[in-house]
């Protein structure tokens, strides 16, 4: 019998990555709680950090499309 792969939605990935960034519990604890591999959590954590850096980057996409409040 073939075992199907578990599909984790983006919201849960973001939640796990954010918990890993907060460092309130270890990555090992998070992996056990959510039943995912430790390396996967590290990868999601890195992706989340990279996205946050791009959001605040001066040449990022947000600068082109974000609406600024009038002074």
C-alpha atoms as a PDB file:
ATOM      1  CA  UNK A   1       0.000   0.000   0.000  1.00  0.00           C
ATOM      2  CA  UNK A   2       1.322   3.402  -1.007  1.00  0.00           C
ATOM      3  CA  UNK A   3       1.424   6.166   1.599  1.00  0.00           C
ATOM      4  CA  UNK A   4       0.329   9.579   0.345  1.00  0.00           C
ATOM      5  CA  UNK A   5       2.300  12.672   1.230  1.00  0.00           C
ATOM      6  CA  UNK A   6       0.859  15.109   3.716  1.00  0.00           C
ATOM      7  CA  UNK A   7       0.055  18.520   2.226  1.00  0.00           C
ATOM      8  CA  UNK A   8       0.545  21.467   4.559  1.00  0.00           C
ATOM      9  CA  UNK A   9      -1.210  24.685   3.616  1.00  0.00           C
ATOM     10  CA  UNK A  10       0.578  28.035   3.498  1.00  0.00           C
ATOM     11  CA  UNK A  11      -1.165  29.405   6.597  1.00  0.00           C
ATOM     12  CA  UNK A  12       0.113  26.559   8.757  1.00  0.00           C
ATOM     13  CA  UNK A  13       3.620  26.893   7.308  1.00  0.00           C
ATOM     14  CA  UNK A  14       3.604  30.610   8.133  1.00  0.00           C
ATOM     15  CA  UNK A  15       2.352  29.918  11.652  1.00  0.00           C
ATOM     16  CA  UNK A  16       5.069  27.331  12.293  1.00  0.00           C
ATOM     17  CA  UNK A  17       7.773  29.592  10.847  1.00  0.00           C
ATOM     18  CA  UNK A  18       6.624  32.502  12.984  1.00  0.00           C
ATOM     19  CA  UNK A  19       6.694  30.335  16.102  1.00  0.00           C
ATOM     20  CA  UNK A  20      10.223  29.259  15.188  1.00  0.00           C
ATOM     21  CA  UNK A  21      11.275  32.891  14.757  1.00  0.00           C
ATOM     22  CA  UNK A  22       9.860  33.826  18.159  1.00  0.00           C
ATOM     23  CA  UNK A  23      12.078  31.152  19.747  1.00  0.00           C
ATOM     24  CA  UNK A  24       9.644  30.556  22.615  1.00  0.00           C
ATOM     25  CA  UNK A  25      10.005  26.820  22.059  1.00  0.00           C
ATOM     26  CA  UNK A  26      12.697  24.792  20.348  1.00  0.00           C
ATOM     27  CA  UNK A  27      12.500  23.738  16.726  1.00  0.00           C
ATOM     28  CA  UNK A  28      12.520  20.142  17.912  1.00  0.00           C
ATOM     29  CA  UNK A  29       9.427  20.799  20.038  1.00  0.00           C
ATOM     30  CA  UNK A  30       7.682  22.451  17.105  1.00  0.00           C
ATOM     31  CA  UNK A  31       8.570  19.522  14.845  1.00  0.00           C
ATOM     32  CA  UNK A  32       7.072  17.057  17.291  1.00  0.00           C
ATOM     33  CA  UNK A  33       3.970  19.168  17.901  1.00  0.00           C
ATOM     34  CA  UNK A  34       3.183  19.671  14.200  1.00  0.00           C
ATOM     35  CA  UNK A  35       4.624  16.328  13.027  1.00  0.00           C
ATOM     36  CA  UNK A  36       7.018  17.797  10.463  1.00  0.00           C
ATOM     37  CA  UNK A  37      10.760  17.364  10.014  1.00  0.00           C
ATOM     38  CA  UNK A  38      13.122  19.777  11.759  1.00  0.00           C
ATOM     39  CA  UNK A  39      14.867  20.659   8.481  1.00  0.00           C
ATOM     40  CA  UNK A  40      11.528  21.668   6.982  1.00  0.00           C
ATOM     41  CA  UNK A  41      10.915  24.123   9.827  1.00  0.00           C
ATOM     42  CA  UNK A  42      14.363  25.641   9.324  1.00  0.00           C
ATOM     43  CA  UNK A  43      13.600  26.068   5.612  1.00  0.00           C
ATOM     44  CA  UNK A  44      10.245  27.774   6.312  1.00  0.00           C
ATOM     45  CA  UNK A  45      11.913  29.987   8.916  1.00  0.00           C
ATOM     46  CA  UNK A  46      14.537  31.087   6.382  1.00  0.00           C
ATOM     47  CA  UNK A  47      11.861  31.772   3.749  1.00  0.00           C
ATOM     48  CA  UNK A  48       9.919  33.891   6.227  1.00  0.00           C
ATOM     49  CA  UNK A  49      13.027  35.901   7.108  1.00  0.00           C
ATOM     50  CA  UNK A  50      13.860  36.445   3.435  1.00  0.00           C
ATOM     51  CA  UNK A  51      10.328  37.660   2.725  1.00  0.00           C
ATOM     52  CA  UNK A  52      10.467  40.066   5.663  1.00  0.00           C
ATOM     53  CA  UNK A  53      13.755  41.494   4.431  1.00  0.00           C
ATOM     54  CA  UNK A  54      12.316  42.011   0.937  1.00  0.00           C
ATOM     55  CA  UNK A  55       9.258  43.758   2.375  1.00  0.00           C
ATOM     56  CA  UNK A  56      11.428  46.444   3.952  1.00  0.00           C
ATOM     57  CA  UNK A  57      14.007  46.648   1.179  1.00  0.00           C
ATOM     58  CA  UNK A  58      14.114  50.076  -0.524  1.00  0.00           C
ATOM     59  CA  UNK A  59      14.066  48.505  -4.007  1.00  0.00           C
ATOM     60  CA  UNK A  60      11.383  45.956  -3.167  1.00  0.00           C
ATOM     61  CA  UNK A  61       8.021  45.486  -4.840  1.00  0.00           C
ATOM     62  CA  UNK A  62       6.202  47.161  -1.967  1.00  0.00           C
ATOM     63  CA  UNK A  63       7.856  50.478  -2.746  1.00  0.00           C
ATOM     64  CA  UNK A  64       6.345  50.421  -6.229  1.00  0.00           C
ATOM     65  CA  UNK A  65       2.794  49.522  -5.237  1.00  0.00           C
ATOM     66  CA  UNK A  66       2.297  50.649  -1.621  1.00  0.00           C
ATOM     67  CA  UNK A  67       0.021  53.600  -1.014  1.00  0.00           C
ATOM     68  CA  UNK A  68       1.572  56.367   1.047  1.00  0.00           C
ATOM     69  CA  UNK A  69      -0.411  58.527   3.430  1.00  0.00           C
ATOM     70  CA  UNK A  70      -0.554  62.231   2.500  1.00  0.00           C
ATOM     71  CA  UNK A  71       1.619  64.513   4.622  1.00  0.00           C
END
